[in-house]
Amino acid sequence: MEEILCSIEIVKEEKAYRAKIQVGLGRYVEYENTDFESLIHQVYEDIQEEIENTL
Protein backbone atom coordinates (compact mmCIF):
# COMPACT_ATOMS: atom_id res chain seq x y z
CA MET A 1 0.00 0.00 0.00
CA GLU A 2 1.28 3.47 -0.88
CA GLU A 3 1.88 5.83 2.03
CA ILE A 4 2.87 9.51 1.88
CA LEU A 5 5.87 10.05 4.14
CA CYS A 6 6.22 13.79 3.61
CA SER A 7 5.33 16.70 1.41
CA ILE A 8 7.91 19.39 0.62
CA GLU A 9 7.38 22.82 -0.88
CA ILE A 10 10.35 25.09 -1.60
CA VAL A 11 9.73 28.74 -2.43
CA LYS A 12 12.18 31.45 -3.49
CA GLU A 13 11.35 34.73 -1.85
CA GLU A 14 12.92 38.12 -2.38
CA LYS A 15 15.91 37.61 -0.06
CA ALA A 16 15.70 33.99 1.06
CA TYR A 17 14.45 30.50 0.32
CA ARG A 18 11.68 28.90 2.37
CA ALA A 19 10.96 25.19 2.71
CA LYS A 20 7.65 23.92 4.05
CA ILE A 21 7.57 20.30 5.18
CA GLN A 22 4.56 18.30 6.27
CA VAL A 23 5.02 14.70 7.31
CA GLY A 24 2.45 11.94 7.12
CA LEU A 25 1.87 12.06 10.88
CA GLY A 26 0.76 15.70 10.61
CA ARG A 27 3.85 17.54 11.86
CA TYR A 28 4.44 20.78 9.94
CA VAL A 29 7.67 22.79 9.96
CA GLU A 30 9.15 25.66 7.94
CA TYR A 31 12.79 26.50 7.33
CA GLU A 32 14.17 29.72 5.90
CA ASN A 33 17.70 30.38 4.71
CA THR A 34 19.43 32.80 2.36
CA ASP A 35 21.68 29.99 1.10
CA PHE A 36 19.88 27.34 -0.98
CA GLU A 37 22.38 24.57 -0.23
CA SER A 38 22.07 25.15 3.50
CA LEU A 39 18.30 25.04 3.24
CA ILE A 40 18.42 21.73 1.37
CA HIS A 41 20.76 20.35 4.03
CA GLN A 42 18.29 21.35 6.78
CA VAL A 43 15.42 19.73 4.89
CA TYR A 44 17.43 16.56 4.30
CA GLU A 45 18.34 16.20 7.98
CA ASP A 46 14.75 16.77 9.08
CA ILE A 47 13.33 14.22 6.65
CA GLN A 48 16.04 11.66 7.43
CA GLU A 49 15.27 11.89 11.15
CA GLU A 50 11.53 11.65 10.52
CA ILE A 51 11.91 8.59 8.28
CA GLU A 52 14.20 6.84 10.78
CA ASN A 53 11.62 7.40 13.53
CA THR A 54 8.79 5.87 11.48
CA LEU A 55 10.65 2.69 10.47
PDB file of N, CA and C in Angstrom:
ATOM      1  N   MET A   1       0.834  -1.172   0.000  1.00  0.00           N
ATOM      2  CA  MET A   1       0.000   0.000   0.000  1.00  0.00           C
ATOM      3  C   MET A   1       0.893   1.255   0.000  1.00  0.00           C
ATOM      4  N   GLU A   2       0.531   2.225  -0.776  1.00  0.00           N
ATOM      5  CA  GLU A   2       1.282   3.471  -0.875  1.00  0.00           C
ATOM      6  C   GLU A   2       0.977   4.362   0.323  1.00  0.00           C
ATOM      7  N   GLU A   3       2.032   4.975   0.861  1.00  0.00           N
ATOM      8  CA  GLU A   3       1.882   5.835   2.030  1.00  0.00           C
ATOM      9  C   GLU A   3       2.725   7.088   1.829  1.00  0.00           C
ATOM     10  N   ILE A   4       2.138   8.257   2.008  1.00  0.00           N
ATOM     11  CA  ILE A   4       2.873   9.510   1.884  1.00  0.00           C
ATOM     12  C   ILE A   4       3.682   9.713   3.157  1.00  0.00           C
ATOM     13  N   LEU A   5       5.004   9.837   2.992  1.00  0.00           N
ATOM     14  CA  LEU A   5       5.873  10.052   4.140  1.00  0.00           C
ATOM     15  C   LEU A   5       6.038  11.530   4.449  1.00  0.00           C
ATOM     16  N   CYS A   6       6.124  12.353   3.386  1.00  0.00           N
ATOM     17  CA  CYS A   6       6.218  13.789   3.612  1.00  0.00           C
ATOM     18  C   CYS A   6       5.924  14.545   2.326  1.00  0.00           C
ATOM     19  N   SER A   7       5.574  15.793   2.521  1.00  0.00           N
ATOM     20  CA  SER A   7       5.325  16.699   1.415  1.00  0.00           C
ATOM     21  C   SER A   7       6.258  17.898   1.608  1.00  0.00           C
ATOM     22  N   ILE A   8       6.948  18.297   0.532  1.00  0.00           N
ATOM     23  CA  ILE A   8       7.915  19.392   0.623  1.00  0.00           C
ATOM     24  C   ILE A   8       7.579  20.452  -0.414  1.00  0.00           C
ATOM     25  N   GLU A   9       7.571  21.693   0.026  1.00  0.00           N
ATOM     26  CA  GLU A   9       7.376  22.818  -0.879  1.00  0.00           C
ATOM     27  C   GLU A   9       8.533  23.784  -0.646  1.00  0.00           C
ATOM     28  N   ILE A  10       9.242  24.149  -1.716  1.00  0.00           N
ATOM     29  CA  ILE A  10      10.350  25.095  -1.604  1.00  0.00           C
ATOM     30  C   ILE A  10      10.015  26.316  -2.439  1.00  0.00           C
ATOM     31  N   VAL A  11      10.115  27.479  -1.793  1.00  0.00           N
ATOM     32  CA  VAL A  11       9.732  28.735  -2.426  1.00  0.00           C
ATOM     33  C   VAL A  11      10.915  29.703  -2.371  1.00  0.00           C
ATOM     34  N   LYS A  12      11.152  30.397  -3.484  1.00  0.00           N
ATOM     35  CA  LYS A  12      12.176  31.447  -3.491  1.00  0.00           C
ATOM     36  C   LYS A  12      11.474  32.768  -3.238  1.00  0.00           C
ATOM     37  N   GLU A  13      11.891  33.424  -2.172  1.00  0.00           N
ATOM     38  CA  GLU A  13      11.350  34.731  -1.848  1.00  0.00           C
ATOM     39  C   GLU A  13      12.362  35.792  -2.254  1.00  0.00           C
ATOM     40  N   GLU A  14      12.069  37.017  -1.955  1.00  0.00           N
ATOM     41  CA  GLU A  14      12.923  38.116  -2.385  1.00  0.00           C
ATOM     42  C   GLU A  14      14.367  37.975  -1.910  1.00  0.00           C
ATOM     43  N   LYS A  15      14.561  37.662  -0.607  1.00  0.00           N
ATOM     44  CA  LYS A  15      15.915  37.612  -0.060  1.00  0.00           C
ATOM     45  C   LYS A  15      16.286  36.263   0.531  1.00  0.00           C
ATOM     46  N   ALA A  16      15.413  35.286   0.428  1.00  0.00           N
ATOM     47  CA  ALA A  16      15.697  33.993   1.055  1.00  0.00           C
ATOM     48  C   ALA A  16      14.893  32.888   0.380  1.00  0.00           C
ATOM     49  N   TYR A  17      15.204  31.666   0.750  1.00  0.00           N
ATOM     50  CA  TYR A  17      14.448  30.497   0.318  1.00  0.00           C
ATOM     51  C   TYR A  17      13.690  29.977   1.533  1.00  0.00           C
ATOM     52  N   ARG A  18      12.496  29.443   1.291  1.00  0.00           N
ATOM     53  CA  ARG A  18      11.685  28.898   2.366  1.00  0.00           C
ATOM     54  C   ARG A  18      11.246  27.494   1.977  1.00  0.00           C
ATOM     55  N   ALA A  19      11.411  26.565   2.915  1.00  0.00           N
ATOM     56  CA  ALA A  19      10.961  25.191   2.710  1.00  0.00           C
ATOM     57  C   ALA A  19       9.846  24.900   3.706  1.00  0.00           C
ATOM     58  N   LYS A  20       8.770  24.312   3.213  1.00  0.00           N
ATOM     59  CA  LYS A  20       7.650  23.918   4.051  1.00  0.00           C
ATOM     60  C   LYS A  20       7.531  22.412   3.964  1.00  0.00           C
ATOM     61  N   ILE A  21       7.591  21.762   5.129  1.00  0.00           N
ATOM     62  CA  ILE A  21       7.569  20.303   5.181  1.00  0.00           C
ATOM     63  C   ILE A  21       6.393  19.856   6.035  1.00  0.00           C
ATOM     64  N   GLN A  22       5.626  18.923   5.497  1.00  0.00           N
ATOM     65  CA  GLN A  22       4.562  18.300   6.275  1.00  0.00           C
ATOM     66  C   GLN A  22       4.738  16.796   6.162  1.00  0.00           C
ATOM     67  N   VAL A  23       4.837  16.142   7.308  1.00  0.00           N
ATOM     68  CA  VAL A  23       5.024  14.699   7.313  1.00  0.00           C
ATOM     69  C   VAL A  23       3.684  14.005   7.458  1.00  0.00           C
ATOM     70  N   GLY A  24       3.680  12.731   7.106  1.00  0.00           N
ATOM     71  CA  GLY A  24       2.453  11.940   7.119  1.00  0.00           C
ATOM     72  C   GLY A  24       1.742  11.904   8.453  1.00  0.00           C
ATOM     73  N   LEU A  25       2.482  12.083   9.549  1.00  0.00           N
ATOM     74  CA  LEU A  25       1.869  12.060  10.875  1.00  0.00           C
ATOM     75  C   LEU A  25       1.291  13.416  11.267  1.00  0.00           C
ATOM     76  N   GLY A  26       1.382  14.408  10.366  1.00  0.00           N
ATOM     77  CA  GLY A  26       0.758  15.703  10.607  1.00  0.00           C
ATOM     78  C   GLY A  26       1.686  16.810  11.070  1.00  0.00           C
ATOM     79  N   ARG A  27       2.927  16.497  11.411  1.00  0.00           N
ATOM     80  CA  ARG A  27       3.854  17.543  11.856  1.00  0.00           C
ATOM     81  C   ARG A  27       4.170  18.475  10.690  1.00  0.00           C
ATOM     82  N   TYR A  28       4.175  19.777  10.966  1.00  0.00           N
ATOM     83  CA  TYR A  28       4.439  20.782   9.940  1.00  0.00           C
ATOM     84  C   TYR A  28       5.561  21.681  10.432  1.00  0.00           C
ATOM     85  N   VAL A  29       6.549  21.935   9.576  1.00  0.00           N
ATOM     86  CA  VAL A  29       7.675  22.793   9.956  1.00  0.00           C
ATOM     87  C   VAL A  29       8.108  23.606   8.738  1.00  0.00           C
ATOM     88  N   GLU A  30       8.622  24.805   9.000  1.00  0.00           N
ATOM     89  CA  GLU A  30       9.148  25.657   7.936  1.00  0.00           C
ATOM     90  C   GLU A  30      10.592  26.008   8.254  1.00  0.00           C
ATOM     91  N   TYR A  31      11.401  26.064   7.208  1.00  0.00           N
ATOM     92  CA  TYR A  31      12.787  26.499   7.325  1.00  0.00           C
ATOM     93  C   TYR A  31      12.989  27.660   6.372  1.00  0.00           C
ATOM     94  N   GLU A  32      13.839  28.598   6.776  1.00  0.00           N
ATOM     95  CA  GLU A  32      14.171  29.721   5.902  1.00  0.00           C
ATOM     96  C   GLU A  32      15.670  29.935   5.960  1.00  0.00           C
ATOM     97  N   ASN A  33      16.262  30.177   4.783  1.00  0.00           N
ATOM     98  CA  ASN A  33      17.697  30.376   4.713  1.00  0.00           C
ATOM     99  C   ASN A  33      18.019  31.183   3.459  1.00  0.00           C
ATOM    100  N   THR A  34      19.022  32.023   3.535  1.00  0.00           N
ATOM    101  CA  THR A  34      19.426  32.796   2.360  1.00  0.00           C
ATOM    102  C   THR A  34      20.270  31.962   1.397  1.00  0.00           C
ATOM    103  N   ASP A  35      20.847  30.873   1.907  1.00  0.00           N
ATOM    104  CA  ASP A  35      21.677  29.986   1.098  1.00  0.00           C
ATOM    105  C   ASP A  35      20.881  28.724   0.746  1.00  0.00           C
ATOM    106  N   PHE A  36      20.689  28.473  -0.539  1.00  0.00           N
ATOM    107  CA  PHE A  36      19.879  27.343  -0.981  1.00  0.00           C
ATOM    108  C   PHE A  36      20.452  25.999  -0.521  1.00  0.00           C
ATOM    109  N   GLU A  37      21.766  25.830  -0.640  1.00  0.00           N
ATOM    110  CA  GLU A  37      22.384  24.567  -0.229  1.00  0.00           C
ATOM    111  C   GLU A  37      22.179  24.289   1.255  1.00  0.00           C
ATOM    112  N   SER A  38      22.290  25.311   2.059  1.00  0.00           N
ATOM    113  CA  SER A  38      22.071  25.146   3.503  1.00  0.00           C
ATOM    114  C   SER A  38      20.626  24.776   3.793  1.00  0.00           C
ATOM    115  N   LEU A  39      19.713  25.366   3.072  1.00  0.00           N
ATOM    116  CA  LEU A  39      18.297  25.042   3.240  1.00  0.00           C
ATOM    117  C   LEU A  39      18.041  23.578   2.889  1.00  0.00           C
ATOM    118  N   ILE A  40      18.596  23.121   1.778  1.00  0.00           N
ATOM    119  CA  ILE A  40      18.421  21.730   1.367  1.00  0.00           C
ATOM    120  C   ILE A  40      19.017  20.790   2.411  1.00  0.00           C
ATOM    121  N   HIS A  41      20.133  21.167   2.990  1.00  0.00           N
ATOM    122  CA  HIS A  41      20.756  20.347   4.031  1.00  0.00           C
ATOM    123  C   HIS A  41      19.837  20.251   5.261  1.00  0.00           C
ATOM    124  N   GLN A  42      19.223  21.360   5.657  1.00  0.00           N
ATOM    125  CA  GLN A  42      18.287  21.355   6.783  1.00  0.00           C
ATOM    126  C   GLN A  42      17.101  20.439   6.487  1.00  0.00           C
ATOM    127  N   VAL A  43      16.569  20.550   5.289  1.00  0.00           N
ATOM    128  CA  VAL A  43      15.421  19.732   4.891  1.00  0.00           C
ATOM    129  C   VAL A  43      15.807  18.256   4.897  1.00  0.00           C
ATOM    130  N   TYR A  44      16.962  17.946   4.347  1.00  0.00           N
ATOM    131  CA  TYR A  44      17.435  16.556   4.299  1.00  0.00           C
ATOM    132  C   TYR A  44      17.548  15.970   5.707  1.00  0.00           C
ATOM    133  N   GLU A  45      18.179  16.700   6.613  1.00  0.00           N
ATOM    134  CA  GLU A  45      18.343  16.204   7.980  1.00  0.00           C
ATOM    135  C   GLU A  45      16.994  15.979   8.662  1.00  0.00           C
ATOM    136  N   ASP A  46      16.070  16.895   8.469  1.00  0.00           N
ATOM    137  CA  ASP A  46      14.749  16.766   9.084  1.00  0.00           C
ATOM    138  C   ASP A  46      14.016  15.534   8.562  1.00  0.00           C
ATOM    139  N   ILE A  47      14.036  15.357   7.254  1.00  0.00           N
ATOM    140  CA  ILE A  47      13.331  14.222   6.647  1.00  0.00           C
ATOM    141  C   ILE A  47      14.001  12.905   7.045  1.00  0.00           C
ATOM    142  N   GLN A  48      15.316  12.877   7.056  1.00  0.00           N
ATOM    143  CA  GLN A  48      16.041  11.661   7.434  1.00  0.00           C
ATOM    144  C   GLN A  48      15.668  11.250   8.861  1.00  0.00           C
ATOM    145  N   GLU A  49      15.642  12.197   9.760  1.00  0.00           N
ATOM    146  CA  GLU A  49      15.267  11.895  11.151  1.00  0.00           C
ATOM    147  C   GLU A  49      13.820  11.393  11.233  1.00  0.00           C
ATOM    148  N   GLU A  50      12.943  12.032  10.504  1.00  0.00           N
ATOM    149  CA  GLU A  50      11.527  11.647  10.518  1.00  0.00           C
ATOM    150  C   GLU A  50      11.345  10.231   9.986  1.00  0.00           C
ATOM    151  N   ILE A  51      12.013   9.908   8.887  1.00  0.00           N
ATOM    152  CA  ILE A  51      11.908   8.587   8.280  1.00  0.00           C
ATOM    153  C   ILE A  51      12.456   7.525   9.231  1.00  0.00           C
ATOM    154  N   GLU A  52      13.600   7.804   9.843  1.00  0.00           N
ATOM    155  CA  GLU A  52      14.195   6.843  10.779  1.00  0.00           C
ATOM    156  C   GLU A  52      13.270   6.567  11.952  1.00  0.00           C
ATOM    157  N   ASN A  53      12.538   7.576  12.400  1.00  0.00           N
ATOM    158  CA  ASN A  53      11.623   7.403  13.528  1.00  0.00           C
ATOM    159  C   ASN A  53      10.365   6.629  13.162  1.00  0.00           C
ATOM    160  N   THR A  54      10.004   6.573  11.886  1.00  0.00           N
ATOM    161  CA  THR A  54       8.787   5.873  11.481  1.00  0.00           C
ATOM    162  C   THR A  54       9.059   4.428  11.095  1.00  0.00           C
ATOM    163  N   LEU A  55      10.311   4.066  10.865  1.00  0.00           N
ATOM    164  CA  LEU A  55      10.646   2.686  10.469  1.00  0.00           C
ATOM    165  C   LEU A  55      10.799   1.785  11.657  1.00  0.00           C
TER     166      LEU A  55
END
